[in-house]
Amino acid sequence: MASKCLQRMLGIALFALVVVPAATAEGQEIKVTLLGTGCPPAVMNRFGPSILVEAGGQKFVFDAGRGALRLNQIKMPWQDVNGVFLTHLHSDHVVGFPDLWLTGWLTPGRDRPLQVWGPRGTKRMMSLLEQAFEYDIRIRLYDDRAAPDGVVVLAEDITEGFVYENSGVKITAFEVDHTPVKPAFGYRIDYSGRSVVLSGDTRTSENLVRHVQNVDLLIHEVASPETFQRLGVPPARTTSVVAHHVTPEQAGDVFTRTKPKLAVCSHIVLPNATEQDLILPTRKTYSGPLELGEDLMVIDVGEKVEIRRPATP
């Protein structure tokens, strides 16, 4: 529900649910686009974490780091996004949200509320963002004649379990171990017999392993201790950061235990990590299908799981 100040500004009744019109899918596939595969450092080859998932004629953004801005790069109209799911509220996972929300409202113009799901604190964050941008919203409504409904954010704090279903698309949230961040979620998307799991930020998580069984695509975060060492990061800092994530060897163990049709490494910590830093150590514990994620990589999940790499500039 939007904040009281925004309700007064808009002068309209707000509801807690937007029903997405049923759309005819162009197939029975799930299409996944890695918009951002990095972490907090602002580097141009790996934008902050964000993933676009398309299924059943619907489009969802999972996490809204800097990578969310690449929607424009792939010529995806921002107003076509049906909703945003947040894994947790670390800044690198939400810093792109104001842009996605407000720019998507103005250019070319979302005219319906934007739904947002996330862990405890999401609803409050969205309410505070509405207050922070109150001046801009008021001016855009008056001067630009922007659609009043389009700036409304319908935010919901979720818990583990089934969180969304429409037109055959089912989305389940499950808790992962990103201590001290609690709760932090991973998500499973099911559609027409296809399945995708996004780990979010996590250490080795038995709960994730339970939710990944029989999945077509697993996109899992990974942190490279070797990269920290090569870049001269102090050992204490390296230990602290890596303790919140999985190493390549640990990721490989998860892949071996869950046997996805394709495993993809993403949310690369640090973004300077090379294929040698990540893939070779993962192969110590996993011998199945494996790809190193990169920004703008497209993964089609159908009868086969197929990769389309971005064109080289």
Protein backbone atom coordinates (compact mmCIF):
# COMPACT_ATOMS: atom_id res chain seq x y z
CA MET A 1 0.00 0.00 0.00
CA ALA A 2 1.36 3.43 -0.84
CA SER A 3 2.22 5.91 1.91
CA LYS A 4 -0.42 8.33 3.17
CA CYS A 5 1.38 11.31 1.64
CA LEU A 6 1.26 9.69 -1.79
CA GLN A 7 -2.39 8.75 -1.37
CA ARG A 8 -3.22 12.39 -0.63
CA MET A 9 -1.12 13.52 -3.57
CA LEU A 10 -2.83 11.18 -6.01
CA GLY A 11 -6.33 11.49 -4.61
CA ILE A 12 -7.19 7.95 -5.72
CA ALA A 13 -8.15 4.72 -4.04
CA LEU A 14 -5.37 2.17 -3.89
CA PHE A 15 -5.79 -1.57 -3.71
CA ALA A 16 -3.42 -4.25 -2.43
CA LEU A 17 -3.49 -6.33 -5.59
CA VAL A 18 -3.05 -5.75 -9.29
CA VAL A 19 -4.44 -8.53 -11.44
CA VAL A 20 -2.18 -9.10 -14.42
CA PRO A 21 -4.27 -9.75 -17.53
CA ALA A 22 -3.82 -13.22 -18.91
CA ALA A 23 -1.49 -13.12 -21.90
CA THR A 24 -0.86 -15.69 -24.54
CA ALA A 25 2.70 -16.96 -24.27
CA GLU A 26 4.74 -17.27 -27.42
CA GLY A 27 5.78 -20.72 -26.28
CA GLN A 28 6.17 -22.87 -23.25
CA GLU A 29 9.61 -21.59 -22.37
CA ILE A 30 11.02 -19.52 -19.55
CA LYS A 31 13.37 -16.84 -20.85
CA VAL A 32 16.00 -15.54 -18.44
CA THR A 33 18.16 -12.48 -19.11
CA LEU A 34 21.06 -11.68 -16.81
CA LEU A 35 20.85 -7.89 -16.62
CA GLY A 36 23.58 -7.58 -14.00
CA THR A 37 25.98 -10.24 -12.74
CA GLY A 38 28.16 -8.16 -10.43
CA CYS A 39 28.12 -6.93 -6.85
CA PRO A 40 28.65 -3.52 -5.14
CA PRO A 41 31.70 -2.26 -7.14
CA ALA A 42 30.57 0.01 -9.97
CA VAL A 43 32.19 -1.64 -12.98
CA MET A 44 30.92 -1.50 -16.53
CA ASN A 45 31.37 -5.16 -17.48
CA ARG A 46 29.35 -6.48 -14.53
CA PHE A 47 26.52 -4.22 -13.40
CA GLY A 48 24.91 -4.82 -10.00
CA PRO A 49 22.61 -7.84 -9.60
CA SER A 50 19.36 -7.99 -11.56
CA ILE A 51 17.67 -10.75 -13.55
CA LEU A 52 14.72 -10.53 -15.94
CA VAL A 53 12.48 -13.60 -16.11
CA GLU A 54 9.80 -13.92 -18.81
CA ALA A 55 7.16 -16.65 -18.72
CA GLY A 56 3.50 -16.98 -19.59
CA GLY A 57 3.42 -13.55 -21.22
CA GLN A 58 4.65 -11.92 -18.00
CA LYS A 59 7.91 -10.17 -17.14
CA PHE A 60 9.47 -10.00 -13.70
CA VAL A 61 12.66 -8.41 -12.43
CA PHE A 62 14.45 -10.21 -9.61
CA ASP A 63 16.59 -7.71 -7.68
CA ALA A 64 17.02 -4.18 -8.92
CA GLY A 65 20.70 -3.38 -8.73
CA ARG A 66 22.38 -1.25 -11.40
CA GLY A 67 21.77 -4.03 -13.90
CA ALA A 68 18.07 -3.21 -13.94
CA LEU A 69 18.98 -0.22 -16.10
CA ARG A 70 19.96 -2.63 -18.88
CA LEU A 71 16.26 -3.17 -19.59
CA ASN A 72 16.62 -0.17 -21.87
CA GLN A 73 19.69 -1.72 -23.51
CA ILE A 74 17.73 -4.85 -24.49
CA LYS A 75 14.83 -2.66 -25.68
CA MET A 76 12.46 -3.96 -23.02
CA PRO A 77 9.90 -1.24 -22.22
CA TRP A 78 10.19 -0.59 -18.51
CA GLN A 79 6.43 -0.25 -18.19
CA ASP A 80 6.06 -3.86 -19.35
CA VAL A 81 7.54 -5.16 -16.09
CA ASN A 82 4.73 -6.84 -14.14
CA GLY A 83 6.54 -6.81 -10.82
CA VAL A 84 9.81 -6.80 -8.90
CA PHE A 85 11.00 -9.46 -6.46
CA LEU A 86 13.81 -8.57 -4.03
CA THR A 87 16.02 -11.24 -2.47
CA HIS A 88 17.20 -8.92 0.31
CA LEU A 89 17.77 -5.23 0.94
CA HIS A 90 21.53 -4.82 0.52
CA SER A 91 22.15 -1.65 -1.49
CA ASP A 92 23.61 -3.42 -4.53
CA HIS A 93 20.30 -5.28 -4.93
CA VAL A 94 18.01 -2.24 -4.71
CA VAL A 95 19.99 0.82 -5.84
CA GLY A 96 18.48 0.66 -9.34
CA PHE A 97 14.90 0.48 -8.09
CA PRO A 98 14.15 4.24 -8.04
CA ASP A 99 15.22 4.42 -11.69
CA LEU A 100 13.15 1.38 -12.65
CA TRP A 101 10.16 2.80 -10.79
CA LEU A 102 10.25 6.50 -11.69
CA THR A 103 11.82 6.43 -15.14
CA GLY A 104 9.54 3.53 -16.03
CA TRP A 105 6.63 5.73 -15.02
CA LEU A 106 7.75 8.68 -17.15
CA THR A 107 9.38 7.24 -20.29
CA PRO A 108 7.45 6.04 -22.11
CA GLY A 109 4.95 5.84 -19.28
CA ARG A 110 3.71 3.10 -16.96
CA ASP A 111 0.04 3.65 -16.27
CA ARG A 112 -0.58 0.94 -13.66
CA PRO A 113 0.82 0.30 -10.18
CA LEU A 114 4.11 -1.53 -9.82
CA GLN A 115 4.03 -4.54 -7.51
CA VAL A 116 7.05 -5.29 -5.34
CA TRP A 117 7.66 -8.34 -3.18
CA GLY A 118 10.54 -8.73 -0.76
CA PRO A 119 11.67 -9.59 2.76
CA ARG A 120 10.63 -7.80 5.93
CA GLY A 121 11.38 -4.09 5.51
CA THR A 122 10.48 -3.92 1.81
CA LYS A 123 7.15 -2.20 2.39
CA ARG A 124 8.73 0.39 4.65
CA MET A 125 11.55 1.04 2.17
CA MET A 126 9.05 1.69 -0.62
CA SER A 127 7.05 4.04 1.59
CA LEU A 128 10.18 6.02 2.45
CA LEU A 129 11.16 6.21 -1.23
CA GLU A 130 7.76 7.71 -1.96
CA GLN A 131 8.48 10.35 0.67
CA ALA A 132 11.99 10.97 -0.65
CA PHE A 133 10.71 11.58 -4.18
CA GLU A 134 7.52 13.38 -3.13
CA TYR A 135 8.55 16.65 -4.78
CA ASP A 136 9.40 15.02 -8.10
CA ILE A 137 6.19 12.97 -8.07
CA ARG A 138 4.07 16.03 -7.39
CA ILE A 139 5.71 18.03 -10.20
CA ARG A 140 5.46 15.14 -12.69
CA LEU A 141 1.77 14.69 -11.94
CA TYR A 142 1.10 18.42 -12.41
CA ASP A 143 3.54 19.38 -15.16
CA ASP A 144 4.09 16.19 -17.16
CA ARG A 145 0.55 14.89 -16.67
CA ALA A 146 2.00 11.49 -15.83
CA ALA A 147 -0.54 8.75 -15.16
CA PRO A 148 -1.43 8.79 -11.42
CA ASP A 149 -1.71 5.02 -11.15
CA GLY A 150 1.73 4.51 -12.69
CA VAL A 151 3.67 5.92 -9.74
CA VAL A 152 1.89 3.76 -7.18
CA VAL A 153 4.02 1.04 -5.59
CA LEU A 154 2.14 -1.91 -4.11
CA ALA A 155 4.72 -3.44 -1.81
CA GLU A 156 4.39 -6.62 0.19
CA ASP A 157 6.64 -8.10 2.86
CA ILE A 158 6.71 -11.82 2.21
CA THR A 159 7.70 -14.93 4.11
CA GLU A 160 8.92 -18.26 2.83
CA GLY A 161 6.45 -20.10 0.65
CA PHE A 162 4.28 -19.68 -2.39
CA VAL A 163 4.07 -15.95 -3.25
CA TYR A 164 2.63 -15.60 -6.77
CA GLU A 165 0.53 -17.44 -9.34
CA ASN A 166 -0.99 -16.18 -12.58
CA SER A 167 -1.50 -17.69 -16.04
CA GLY A 168 0.42 -20.82 -15.08
CA VAL A 169 3.43 -18.96 -13.63
CA LYS A 170 4.21 -19.94 -10.05
CA ILE A 171 6.84 -18.23 -7.91
CA THR A 172 8.04 -19.59 -4.58
CA ALA A 173 10.29 -17.80 -2.09
CA PHE A 174 12.59 -19.77 0.18
CA GLU A 175 14.96 -18.58 2.89
CA VAL A 176 18.71 -18.82 2.34
CA ASP A 177 21.65 -18.24 4.68
CA HIS A 178 23.07 -14.77 4.11
CA THR A 179 23.81 -14.20 7.78
CA PRO A 180 23.68 -11.61 9.30
CA VAL A 181 21.04 -10.54 6.76
CA LYS A 182 17.77 -12.18 7.82
CA PRO A 183 15.60 -13.00 6.10
CA ALA A 184 17.20 -13.33 2.68
CA PHE A 185 15.41 -15.21 -0.08
CA GLY A 186 16.03 -17.28 -3.14
CA TYR A 187 13.23 -17.77 -5.67
CA ARG A 188 11.94 -20.67 -7.72
CA ILE A 189 9.93 -19.95 -10.88
CA ASP A 190 7.83 -22.77 -12.40
CA TYR A 191 5.94 -22.60 -15.68
CA SER A 192 4.64 -25.26 -18.04
CA GLY A 193 6.88 -27.96 -16.63
CA ARG A 194 9.99 -25.74 -16.75
CA SER A 195 11.78 -24.47 -13.67
CA VAL A 196 14.37 -21.85 -12.72
CA VAL A 197 15.96 -21.20 -9.33
CA LEU A 198 17.74 -17.98 -8.37
CA SER A 199 19.86 -18.39 -5.25
CA GLY A 200 20.08 -14.79 -4.16
CA ASP A 201 23.02 -14.08 -1.86
CA THR A 202 23.77 -17.07 0.34
CA ARG A 203 26.28 -19.31 1.97
CA THR A 204 25.82 -23.04 1.42
CA SER A 205 22.10 -23.46 2.13
CA GLU A 206 20.43 -26.80 2.79
CA ASN A 207 17.08 -25.10 2.28
CA LEU A 208 18.17 -24.04 -1.19
CA VAL A 209 19.26 -27.60 -1.97
CA ARG A 210 15.75 -28.80 -1.07
CA HIS A 211 14.10 -26.29 -3.40
CA VAL A 212 16.43 -26.95 -6.35
CA GLN A 213 15.61 -30.60 -6.85
CA ASN A 214 14.61 -31.42 -10.45
CA VAL A 215 15.25 -27.86 -11.63
CA ASP A 216 16.16 -27.01 -15.22
CA LEU A 217 18.29 -23.93 -14.47
CA LEU A 218 20.08 -22.93 -11.28
CA ILE A 219 21.66 -19.48 -11.15
CA HIS A 220 23.89 -19.32 -8.09
CA GLU A 221 26.09 -16.61 -6.62
CA VAL A 222 29.81 -17.24 -6.12
CA ALA A 223 32.75 -15.48 -4.43
CA SER A 224 36.39 -15.99 -5.43
CA PRO A 225 38.95 -15.85 -2.59
CA GLU A 226 41.75 -15.99 -5.17
CA THR A 227 40.54 -12.74 -6.73
CA PHE A 228 40.59 -10.97 -3.36
CA GLN A 229 44.13 -12.18 -2.78
CA ARG A 230 45.32 -11.20 -6.27
CA LEU A 231 43.93 -7.69 -5.79
CA GLY A 232 45.64 -7.29 -2.44
CA VAL A 233 42.51 -7.16 -0.31
CA PRO A 234 43.51 -7.53 3.38
CA PRO A 235 43.04 -11.13 4.60
CA ALA A 236 40.60 -10.13 7.35
CA ARG A 237 38.37 -8.36 4.84
CA THR A 238 38.60 -11.29 2.42
CA THR A 239 37.58 -13.74 5.14
CA SER A 240 34.66 -11.55 6.21
CA VAL A 241 33.21 -11.13 2.72
CA VAL A 242 33.71 -14.70 1.53
CA ALA A 243 32.07 -15.99 4.73
CA HIS A 244 28.78 -14.50 3.53
CA HIS A 245 28.88 -16.26 0.15
CA VAL A 246 29.90 -19.56 -1.47
CA THR A 247 33.31 -20.31 -2.93
CA PRO A 248 33.52 -21.97 -6.37
CA GLU A 249 34.22 -25.33 -4.73
CA GLN A 250 31.17 -24.95 -2.48
CA ALA A 251 29.02 -23.91 -5.44
CA GLY A 252 30.20 -27.01 -7.30
CA ASP A 253 29.16 -29.17 -4.36
CA VAL A 254 25.67 -27.62 -4.46
CA PHE A 255 25.46 -28.27 -8.21
CA THR A 256 26.55 -31.89 -7.76
CA ARG A 257 23.93 -32.48 -5.08
CA THR A 258 21.08 -30.86 -7.04
CA LYS A 259 21.95 -31.86 -10.63
CA PRO A 260 20.34 -28.98 -12.58
CA LYS A 261 20.21 -29.27 -16.35
CA LEU A 262 22.39 -26.15 -16.35
CA ALA A 263 24.23 -24.36 -13.56
CA VAL A 264 25.20 -20.72 -14.03
CA CYS A 265 27.49 -18.67 -11.78
CA SER A 266 26.36 -15.09 -11.23
CA HIS A 267 26.62 -12.26 -8.65
CA ILE A 268 30.37 -12.58 -9.11
CA VAL A 269 32.33 -11.44 -6.05
CA LEU A 270 34.59 -9.71 -6.97
CA PRO A 271 33.58 -8.75 -10.53
CA ASN A 272 37.26 -8.86 -11.58
CA ALA A 273 37.20 -12.66 -11.17
CA THR A 274 38.17 -14.54 -14.32
CA GLU A 275 36.94 -17.81 -15.73
CA GLN A 276 40.09 -19.41 -14.35
CA ASP A 277 39.28 -18.05 -10.89
CA LEU A 278 35.74 -19.45 -10.99
CA ILE A 279 35.20 -22.33 -13.40
CA LEU A 280 38.39 -24.30 -12.73
CA PRO A 281 37.85 -24.55 -8.96
CA THR A 282 34.15 -25.31 -9.46
CA ARG A 283 35.21 -28.29 -11.59
CA LYS A 284 36.94 -29.77 -8.55
CA THR A 285 33.52 -30.66 -7.15
CA TYR A 286 31.19 -30.59 -10.19
CA SER A 287 31.43 -32.12 -13.66
CA GLY A 288 28.01 -31.25 -15.09
CA PRO A 289 26.78 -28.48 -17.43
CA LEU A 290 28.18 -25.15 -16.25
CA GLU A 291 28.38 -21.57 -17.52
CA LEU A 292 29.91 -18.39 -16.19
CA GLY A 293 27.20 -15.75 -16.30
CA GLU A 294 27.78 -12.41 -17.99
CA ASP A 295 25.71 -9.28 -18.38
CA LEU A 296 23.06 -9.57 -21.12
CA MET A 297 23.40 -13.36 -21.40
CA VAL A 298 20.05 -14.92 -22.37
CA ILE A 299 19.07 -18.42 -21.24
CA ASP A 300 16.10 -20.13 -22.88
CA VAL A 301 14.60 -22.88 -20.72
CA GLY A 302 12.53 -25.20 -22.90
CA GLU A 303 12.98 -28.77 -24.08
CA LYS A 304 16.64 -27.84 -23.92
CA VAL A 305 18.38 -25.20 -21.86
CA GLU A 306 20.21 -22.98 -24.32
CA ILE A 307 22.58 -20.04 -23.89
CA ARG A 308 22.71 -16.94 -26.07
CA ARG A 309 25.72 -14.78 -25.34
CA PRO A 310 25.65 -11.01 -25.90
CA ALA A 311 27.18 -9.74 -29.11
CA THR A 312 30.73 -8.48 -28.73
CA PRO A 313 30.78 -4.66 -29.14
